[in-house]
């Protein structure tokens, strides 16, 4: 099968799996929309599960490319805000929603494959944010010894509400706006949770810091579960829901 034809099949299959879910998407309709035969699809991918795995693998490669860290901006907090928003946008893609729904649908995608893909996704997303957090630590805005837990906290604050919303939405539904910038709130929580040690840098992150006027520091009606994060000390935060 030619590369162009395979890409056409994967494009069409990706759209149909997202719109209809794994169980409702039909190989015959995928073949018709991609202007190929059902026999050609089965010859190349062996089964519907094989086609779905190929779609997921291709989208994982695309996500890794999109999550490549960029050069840090002059202002580390602005850069952290930027990458946190990119992180949230990637969590809202149809690819992650498809992958999250996999265990709840009737298919034979191996658990080991799902876990491997989720681990790769997490590493790609966390690598996106790590340079920005390290830059904040270098500028005295974050405890340098707590960059790793800060990364975990930032990830949890973005993933928890976004992933649960994705899991509960029907195939093909569009993600709505919560009215509060989740990524900005996650940055605020993270920098406030791990301030630099006294005398080791700038003052702890607060509303007096001029570089972050966009981040609301007062009580905000946020997405489900975020209020608990604001009220709990860092060590009391729950473990992240696995991707």
C-alpha atoms as a PDB file:
ATOM      1  CA  UNK A   1       0.000   0.000   0.000  1.00  0.00           C
ATOM      2  CA  UNK A   2       1.310   3.447  -0.913  1.00  0.00           C
ATOM      3  CA  UNK A   3       2.138   5.913   1.870  1.00  0.00           C
ATOM      4  CA  UNK A   4      -0.381   8.447   0.597  1.00  0.00           C
ATOM      5  CA  UNK A   5      -3.162   5.861   0.665  1.00  0.00           C
ATOM      6  CA  UNK A   6      -2.196   4.717   4.167  1.00  0.00           C
ATOM      7  CA  UNK A   7      -2.196   8.312   5.433  1.00  0.00           C
ATOM      8  CA  UNK A   8      -5.632   8.828   3.891  1.00  0.00           C
ATOM      9  CA  UNK A   9      -6.985   5.745   5.679  1.00  0.00           C
ATOM     10  CA  UNK A  10      -5.467   6.809   9.009  1.00  0.00           C
ATOM     11  CA  UNK A  11      -6.845  10.340   8.630  1.00  0.00           C
ATOM     12  CA  UNK A  12     -10.370   9.084   7.926  1.00  0.00           C
ATOM     13  CA  UNK A  13     -10.207   6.396  10.620  1.00  0.00           C
ATOM     14  CA  UNK A  14      -8.986   8.920  13.191  1.00  0.00           C
ATOM     15  CA  UNK A  15     -11.924  11.221  12.491  1.00  0.00           C
ATOM     16  CA  UNK A  16     -14.464   8.385  12.606  1.00  0.00           C
ATOM     17  CA  UNK A  17     -13.088   6.830  15.800  1.00  0.00           C
ATOM     18  CA  UNK A  18     -13.259  10.271  17.423  1.00  0.00           C
ATOM     19  CA  UNK A  19     -16.755  11.108  16.170  1.00  0.00           C
ATOM     20  CA  UNK A  20     -18.372   7.698  16.661  1.00  0.00           C
ATOM     21  CA  UNK A  21     -16.200   5.830  19.152  1.00  0.00           C
ATOM     22  CA  UNK A  22     -14.353   2.577  18.496  1.00  0.00           C
ATOM     23  CA  UNK A  23     -17.386   0.316  18.606  1.00  0.00           C
ATOM     24  CA  UNK A  24     -19.630   2.341  16.283  1.00  0.00           C
ATOM     25  CA  UNK A  25     -17.019   3.154  13.635  1.00  0.00           C
ATOM     26  CA  UNK A  26     -17.313   0.677  10.753  1.00  0.00           C
ATOM     27  CA  UNK A  27     -14.413  -0.529   8.612  1.00  0.00           C
ATOM     28  CA  UNK A  28     -16.683  -0.532   5.553  1.00  0.00           C
ATOM     29  CA  UNK A  29     -17.480   3.160   6.036  1.00  0.00           C
ATOM     30  CA  UNK A  30     -13.818   4.004   6.680  1.00  0.00           C
ATOM     31  CA  UNK A  31     -12.971   2.223   3.415  1.00  0.00           C
ATOM     32  CA  UNK A  32     -15.672   4.097   1.498  1.00  0.00           C
ATOM     33  CA  UNK A  33     -14.625   7.511   2.836  1.00  0.00           C
ATOM     34  CA  UNK A  34     -10.947   6.852   2.151  1.00  0.00           C
ATOM     35  CA  UNK A  35     -11.732   5.539  -1.352  1.00  0.00           C
ATOM     36  CA  UNK A  36     -10.186   2.133  -0.780  1.00  0.00           C
ATOM     37  CA  UNK A  37     -11.495  -1.377  -0.206  1.00  0.00           C
ATOM     38  CA  UNK A  38     -12.315  -3.132   3.045  1.00  0.00           C
ATOM     39  CA  UNK A  39     -10.029  -5.985   1.964  1.00  0.00           C
ATOM     40  CA  UNK A  40      -7.100  -3.575   1.545  1.00  0.00           C
ATOM     41  CA  UNK A  41      -7.586  -2.232   5.074  1.00  0.00           C
ATOM     42  CA  UNK A  42      -7.693  -5.723   6.593  1.00  0.00           C
ATOM     43  CA  UNK A  43      -4.662  -6.772   4.553  1.00  0.00           C
ATOM     44  CA  UNK A  44      -2.638  -3.814   5.844  1.00  0.00           C
ATOM     45  CA  UNK A  45      -3.868  -3.583   9.464  1.00  0.00           C
ATOM     46  CA  UNK A  46      -5.137  -7.174  10.079  1.00  0.00           C
ATOM     47  CA  UNK A  47      -8.095  -6.077  12.231  1.00  0.00           C
ATOM     48  CA  UNK A  48     -10.117  -3.108  13.460  1.00  0.00           C
ATOM     49  CA  UNK A  49      -8.001  -3.126  16.615  1.00  0.00           C
ATOM     50  CA  UNK A  50      -4.858  -3.026  14.483  1.00  0.00           C
ATOM     51  CA  UNK A  51      -6.181   0.004  12.603  1.00  0.00           C
ATOM     52  CA  UNK A  52      -7.030   1.766  15.874  1.00  0.00           C
ATOM     53  CA  UNK A  53      -3.550   1.053  17.262  1.00  0.00           C
ATOM     54  CA  UNK A  54      -2.015   2.517  14.100  1.00  0.00           C
ATOM     55  CA  UNK A  55      -4.165   5.649  14.475  1.00  0.00           C
ATOM     56  CA  UNK A  56      -3.095   6.049  18.122  1.00  0.00           C
ATOM     57  CA  UNK A  57       0.594   5.482  17.332  1.00  0.00           C
ATOM     58  CA  UNK A  58       0.507   8.102  14.575  1.00  0.00           C
ATOM     59  CA  UNK A  59      -1.202  10.639  16.812  1.00  0.00           C
ATOM     60  CA  UNK A  60       1.281   9.941  19.597  1.00  0.00           C
ATOM     61  CA  UNK A  61       4.096  10.881  17.216  1.00  0.00           C
ATOM     62  CA  UNK A  62       2.216  14.069  16.297  1.00  0.00           C
ATOM     63  CA  UNK A  63       1.692  14.957  19.963  1.00  0.00           C
ATOM     64  CA  UNK A  64       5.395  14.444  20.723  1.00  0.00           C
ATOM     65  CA  UNK A  65       6.223  16.876  17.930  1.00  0.00           C
ATOM     66  CA  UNK A  66       3.706  19.440  19.216  1.00  0.00           C
ATOM     67  CA  UNK A  67       5.037  19.083  22.774  1.00  0.00           C
ATOM     68  CA  UNK A  68       8.659  19.859  21.899  1.00  0.00           C
ATOM     69  CA  UNK A  69       9.883  22.555  24.344  1.00  0.00           C
ATOM     70  CA  UNK A  70      10.689  25.924  22.806  1.00  0.00           C
ATOM     71  CA  UNK A  71      13.348  28.440  23.798  1.00  0.00           C
ATOM     72  CA  UNK A  72      12.485  30.180  27.061  1.00  0.00           C
ATOM     73  CA  UNK A  73      11.112  33.712  26.921  1.00  0.00           C
ATOM     74  CA  UNK A  74      12.871  36.548  28.733  1.00  0.00           C
ATOM     75  CA  UNK A  75      10.228  36.468  31.490  1.00  0.00           C
ATOM     76  CA  UNK A  76      10.169  32.939  33.009  1.00  0.00           C
ATOM     77  CA  UNK A  77       6.637  33.296  34.415  1.00  0.00           C
ATOM     78  CA  UNK A  78       5.250  34.355  31.041  1.00  0.00           C
ATOM     79  CA  UNK A  79       6.986  31.351  29.510  1.00  0.00           C
ATOM     80  CA  UNK A  80       5.548  29.044  32.174  1.00  0.00           C
ATOM     81  CA  UNK A  81       2.071  30.439  31.472  1.00  0.00           C
ATOM     82  CA  UNK A  82       2.609  29.835  27.766  1.00  0.00           C
ATOM     83  CA  UNK A  83       3.707  26.205  28.114  1.00  0.00           C
ATOM     84  CA  UNK A  84       1.000  25.460  30.707  1.00  0.00           C
ATOM     85  CA  UNK A  85      -1.626  26.658  28.231  1.00  0.00           C
ATOM     86  CA  UNK A  86      -0.063  24.472  25.539  1.00  0.00           C
ATOM     87  CA  UNK A  87      -0.142  21.545  27.988  1.00  0.00           C
ATOM     88  CA  UNK A  88      -3.856  22.112  28.608  1.00  0.00           C
ATOM     89  CA  UNK A  89      -4.589  22.433  24.883  1.00  0.00           C
ATOM     90  CA  UNK A  90      -2.824  19.128  24.197  1.00  0.00           C
ATOM     91  CA  UNK A  91      -4.802  17.453  26.999  1.00  0.00           C
ATOM     92  CA  UNK A  92      -7.994  18.568  25.241  1.00  0.00           C
ATOM     93  CA  UNK A  93      -7.117  17.016  21.861  1.00  0.00           C
ATOM     94  CA  UNK A  94      -9.307  14.289  20.392  1.00  0.00           C
ATOM     95  CA  UNK A  95      -6.285  11.950  20.484  1.00  0.00           C
ATOM     96  CA  UNK A  96      -6.145  11.954  24.287  1.00  0.00           C
ATOM     97  CA  UNK A  97      -9.919  11.666  24.541  1.00  0.00           C
ATOM     98  CA  UNK A  98      -9.802   8.597  22.276  1.00  0.00           C
ATOM     99  CA  UNK A  99      -7.016   7.050  24.349  1.00  0.00           C
ATOM    100  CA  UNK A 100      -8.847   7.724  27.629  1.00  0.00           C
ATOM    101  CA  UNK A 101     -12.013   6.097  26.312  1.00  0.00           C
ATOM    102  CA  UNK A 102     -10.178   2.959  25.140  1.00  0.00           C
ATOM    103  CA  UNK A 103     -10.593   0.963  28.411  1.00  0.00           C
ATOM    104  CA  UNK A 104     -14.346   1.735  28.474  1.00  0.00           C
ATOM    105  CA  UNK A 105     -15.023   0.479  24.937  1.00  0.00           C
ATOM    106  CA  UNK A 106     -15.158  -3.007  23.485  1.00  0.00           C
ATOM    107  CA  UNK A 107     -11.810  -3.605  21.875  1.00  0.00           C
ATOM    108  CA  UNK A 108      -8.729  -5.729  22.381  1.00  0.00           C
ATOM    109  CA  UNK A 109      -6.098  -3.001  22.741  1.00  0.00           C
ATOM    110  CA  UNK A 110      -3.570  -4.566  25.166  1.00  0.00           C
ATOM    111  CA  UNK A 111      -3.273  -2.964  28.589  1.00  0.00           C
ATOM    112  CA  UNK A 112       0.509  -2.916  28.204  1.00  0.00           C
ATOM    113  CA  UNK A 113       0.217  -0.866  25.003  1.00  0.00           C
ATOM    114  CA  UNK A 114      -2.134   1.630  26.650  1.00  0.00           C
ATOM    115  CA  UNK A 115       0.222   2.019  29.618  1.00  0.00           C
ATOM    116  CA  UNK A 116       3.246   2.463  27.361  1.00  0.00           C
ATOM    117  CA  UNK A 117       1.493   5.130  25.301  1.00  0.00           C
ATOM    118  CA  UNK A 118       0.274   6.972  28.393  1.00  0.00           C
ATOM    119  CA  UNK A 119       3.773   6.936  29.868  1.00  0.00           C
ATOM    120  CA  UNK A 120       5.175   8.386  26.644  1.00  0.00           C
ATOM    121  CA  UNK A 121       2.454  11.057  26.613  1.00  0.00           C
ATOM    122  CA  UNK A 122       3.201  12.049  30.200  1.00  0.00           C
ATOM    123  CA  UNK A 123       6.931  12.314  29.514  1.00  0.00           C
ATOM    124  CA  UNK A 124       6.302  14.444  26.414  1.00  0.00           C
ATOM    125  CA  UNK A 125       3.963  16.800  28.260  1.00  0.00           C
ATOM    126  CA  UNK A 126       6.203  17.119  31.312  1.00  0.00           C
ATOM    127  CA  UNK A 127       9.276  17.812  29.178  1.00  0.00           C
ATOM    128  CA  UNK A 128       7.298  20.688  27.698  1.00  0.00           C
ATOM    129  CA  UNK A 129       7.005  22.386  31.113  1.00  0.00           C
ATOM    130  CA  UNK A 130      10.290  21.419  32.783  1.00  0.00           C
ATOM    131  CA  UNK A 131      12.549  24.101  31.189  1.00  0.00           C
ATOM    132  CA  UNK A 132      10.109  26.851  32.184  1.00  0.00           C
ATOM    133  CA  UNK A 133       9.998  25.641  35.801  1.00  0.00           C
ATOM    134  CA  UNK A 134      13.793  25.418  35.901  1.00  0.00           C
ATOM    135  CA  UNK A 135      13.980  28.998  34.588  1.00  0.00           C
ATOM    136  CA  UNK A 136      11.617  30.135  37.365  1.00  0.00           C
ATOM    137  CA  UNK A 137      13.849  28.404  39.918  1.00  0.00           C
ATOM    138  CA  UNK A 138      16.939  30.074  38.449  1.00  0.00           C
ATOM    139  CA  UNK A 139      15.253  33.486  38.811  1.00  0.00           C
ATOM    140  CA  UNK A 140      14.373  32.875  42.472  1.00  0.00           C
ATOM    141  CA  UNK A 141      10.639  32.367  41.879  1.00  0.00           C
ATOM    142  CA  UNK A 142      10.579  28.671  42.795  1.00  0.00           C
ATOM    143  CA  UNK A 143      12.462  26.483  45.264  1.00  0.00           C
ATOM    144  CA  UNK A 144      15.233  24.874  43.132  1.00  0.00           C
ATOM    145  CA  UNK A 145      15.084  21.738  45.285  1.00  0.00           C
ATOM    146  CA  UNK A 146      11.372  21.268  44.551  1.00  0.00           C
ATOM    147  CA  UNK A 147      11.263  21.497  40.753  1.00  0.00           C
ATOM    148  CA  UNK A 148      10.198  17.855  40.370  1.00  0.00           C
ATOM    149  CA  UNK A 149       7.243  18.042  42.805  1.00  0.00           C
ATOM    150  CA  UNK A 150       6.343  21.410  41.269  1.00  0.00           C
ATOM    151  CA  UNK A 151       6.211  19.720  37.860  1.00  0.00           C
ATOM    152  CA  UNK A 152       3.994  16.968  39.280  1.00  0.00           C
ATOM    153  CA  UNK A 153       1.674  19.502  40.906  1.00  0.00           C
ATOM    154  CA  UNK A 154       1.381  21.591  37.741  1.00  0.00           C
ATOM    155  CA  UNK A 155       0.621  18.438  35.756  1.00  0.00           C
ATOM    156  CA  UNK A 156      -2.035  17.309  38.238  1.00  0.00           C
ATOM    157  CA  UNK A 157      -3.771  20.696  38.341  1.00  0.00           C
ATOM    158  CA  UNK A 158      -4.088  20.705  34.555  1.00  0.00           C
ATOM    159  CA  UNK A 159      -4.794  17.022  33.986  1.00  0.00           C
ATOM    160  CA  UNK A 160      -7.360  16.203  36.688  1.00  0.00           C
ATOM    161  CA  UNK A 161     -10.245  18.431  35.560  1.00  0.00           C
ATOM    162  CA  UNK A 162      -9.334  18.280  31.859  1.00  0.00           C
ATOM    163  CA  UNK A 163      -9.074  14.489  31.710  1.00  0.00           C
ATOM    164  CA  UNK A 164     -12.232  13.877  33.728  1.00  0.00           C
ATOM    165  CA  UNK A 165     -14.154  16.216  31.461  1.00  0.00           C
ATOM    166  CA  UNK A 166     -12.778  14.399  28.408  1.00  0.00           C
ATOM    167  CA  UNK A 167     -13.684  11.014  29.869  1.00  0.00           C
ATOM    168  CA  UNK A 168     -17.298  12.002  30.531  1.00  0.00           C
ATOM    169  CA  UNK A 169     -17.930  13.688  27.164  1.00  0.00           C
ATOM    170  CA  UNK A 170     -19.581  11.820  24.319  1.00  0.00           C
ATOM    171  CA  UNK A 171     -17.556  10.994  21.178  1.00  0.00           C
ATOM    172  CA  UNK A 172     -17.385  13.983  18.841  1.00  0.00           C
ATOM    173  CA  UNK A 173     -18.464  16.526  21.488  1.00  0.00           C
ATOM    174  CA  UNK A 174     -16.548  19.781  21.697  1.00  0.00           C
ATOM    175  CA  UNK A 175     -14.785  20.919  24.855  1.00  0.00           C
ATOM    176  CA  UNK A 176     -16.427  23.992  26.381  1.00  0.00           C
ATOM    177  CA  UNK A 177     -14.853  26.895  28.252  1.00  0.00           C
ATOM    178  CA  UNK A 178     -14.984  26.880  32.060  1.00  0.00           C
ATOM    179  CA  UNK A 179     -14.756  30.689  32.212  1.00  0.00           C
ATOM    180  CA  UNK A 180     -11.497  30.455  34.214  1.00  0.00           C
ATOM    181  CA  UNK A 181      -8.116  29.811  32.657  1.00  0.00           C
ATOM    182  CA  UNK A 182      -7.249  26.460  34.139  1.00  0.00           C
ATOM    183  CA  UNK A 183      -3.607  26.607  33.063  1.00  0.00           C
ATOM    184  CA  UNK A 184      -3.113  30.063  34.605  1.00  0.00           C
ATOM    185  CA  UNK A 185      -4.615  28.871  37.881  1.00  0.00           C
ATOM    186  CA  UNK A 186      -2.346  25.807  37.806  1.00  0.00           C
ATOM    187  CA  UNK A 187       0.710  28.074  37.458  1.00  0.00           C
ATOM    188  CA  UNK A 188      -0.469  30.244  40.356  1.00  0.00           C
ATOM    189  CA  UNK A 189      -0.972  27.210  42.591  1.00  0.00           C
ATOM    190  CA  UNK A 190       2.403  25.701  41.674  1.00  0.00           C
ATOM    191  CA  UNK A 191       4.483  28.826  42.269  1.00  0.00           C
ATOM    192  CA  UNK A 192       2.633  29.560  45.522  1.00  0.00           C
ATOM    193  CA  UNK A 193       3.110  25.981  46.767  1.00  0.00           C
ATOM    194  CA  UNK A 194       6.906  25.895  46.317  1.00  0.00           C
ATOM    195  CA  UNK A 195       8.279  29.410  46.962  1.00  0.00           C
ATOM    196  CA  UNK A 196      12.048  29.913  47.246  1.00  0.00           C
ATOM    197  CA  UNK A 197      13.599  29.434  50.661  1.00  0.00           C
ATOM    198  CA  UNK A 198      13.787  32.707  52.616  1.00  0.00           C
ATOM    199  CA  UNK A 199      16.968  34.585  51.718  1.00  0.00           C
ATOM    200  CA  UNK A 200      17.557  32.328  48.702  1.00  0.00           C
ATOM    201  CA  UNK A 201      15.987  34.524  46.042  1.00  0.00           C
ATOM    202  CA  UNK A 202      13.100  36.879  45.444  1.00  0.00           C
ATOM    203  CA  UNK A 203      10.105  37.150  47.730  1.00  0.00           C
ATOM    204  CA  UNK A 204       7.587  34.283  47.582  1.00  0.00           C
ATOM    205  CA  UNK A 205       5.214  34.491  44.630  1.00  0.00           C
ATOM    206  CA  UNK A 206       2.414  36.974  45.338  1.00  0.00           C
ATOM    207  CA  UNK A 207       0.152  39.560  43.791  1.00  0.00           C
ATOM    208  CA  UNK A 208       2.942  42.110  44.331  1.00  0.00           C
ATOM    209  CA  UNK A 209       5.087  40.403  41.696  1.00  0.00           C
ATOM    210  CA  UNK A 210       4.701  42.595  38.577  1.00  0.00           C
ATOM    211  CA  UNK A 211       5.402  39.962  35.915  1.00  0.00           C
ATOM    212  CA  UNK A 212       2.193  38.000  36.456  1.00  0.00           C
ATOM    213  CA  UNK A 213      -0.757  40.425  36.371  1.00  0.00           C
ATOM    214  CA  UNK A 214      -2.850  37.890  34.420  1.00  0.00           C
ATOM    215  CA  UNK A 215      -2.999  35.328  37.227  1.00  0.00           C
ATOM    216  CA  UNK A 216      -5.880  35.865  39.689  1.00  0.00           C
ATOM    217  CA  UNK A 217      -4.716  35.346  43.254  1.00  0.00           C
ATOM    218  CA  UNK A 218      -8.032  35.724  45.066  1.00  0.00           C
ATOM    219  CA  UNK A 219     -10.719  33.022  45.468  1.00  0.00           C
ATOM    220  CA  UNK A 220     -11.930  31.908  42.044  1.00  0.00           C
ATOM    221  CA  UNK A 221     -14.764  29.571  41.029  1.00  0.00           C
ATOM    222  CA  UNK A 222     -12.597  27.034  39.220  1.00  0.00           C
ATOM    223  CA  UNK A 223     -13.199  23.648  37.587  1.00  0.00           C
ATOM    224  CA  UNK A 224     -14.276  20.687  39.700  1.00  0.00           C
ATOM    225  CA  UNK A 225     -11.607  19.621  42.154  1.00  0.00           C
ATOM    226  CA  UNK A 226      -9.416  22.698  41.821  1.00  0.00           C
ATOM    227  CA  UNK A 227     -10.814  24.328  44.953  1.00  0.00           C
ATOM    228  CA  UNK A 228      -9.583  21.344  46.951  1.00  0.00           C
ATOM    229  CA  UNK A 229      -6.070  21.864  45.565  1.00  0.00           C
ATOM    230  CA  UNK A 230      -6.110  25.513  46.647  1.00  0.00           C
ATOM    231  CA  UNK A 231      -7.119  24.626  50.202  1.00  0.00           C
ATOM    232  CA  UNK A 232      -4.792  21.668  50.781  1.00  0.00           C
ATOM    233  CA  UNK A 233      -1.085  21.805  51.604  1.00  0.00           C
ATOM    234  CA  UNK A 234       1.110  20.356  48.837  1.00  0.00           C
ATOM    235  CA  UNK A 235       1.883  17.136  50.727  1.00  0.00           C
ATOM    236  CA  UNK A 236      -1.831  16.430  51.154  1.00  0.00           C
ATOM    237  CA  UNK A 237      -2.612  16.566  47.442  1.00  0.00           C
ATOM    238  CA  UNK A 238      -3.925  13.314  45.948  1.00  0.00           C
ATOM    239  CA  UNK A 239      -1.874  11.339  43.454  1.00  0.00           C
ATOM    240  CA  UNK A 240      -2.514  12.153  39.814  1.00  0.00           C
ATOM    241  CA  UNK A 241      -5.058  10.155  37.856  1.00  0.00           C
ATOM    242  CA  UNK A 242      -2.926   8.113  35.419  1.00  0.00           C
ATOM    243  CA  UNK A 243      -3.198   9.119  31.779  1.00  0.00           C
END
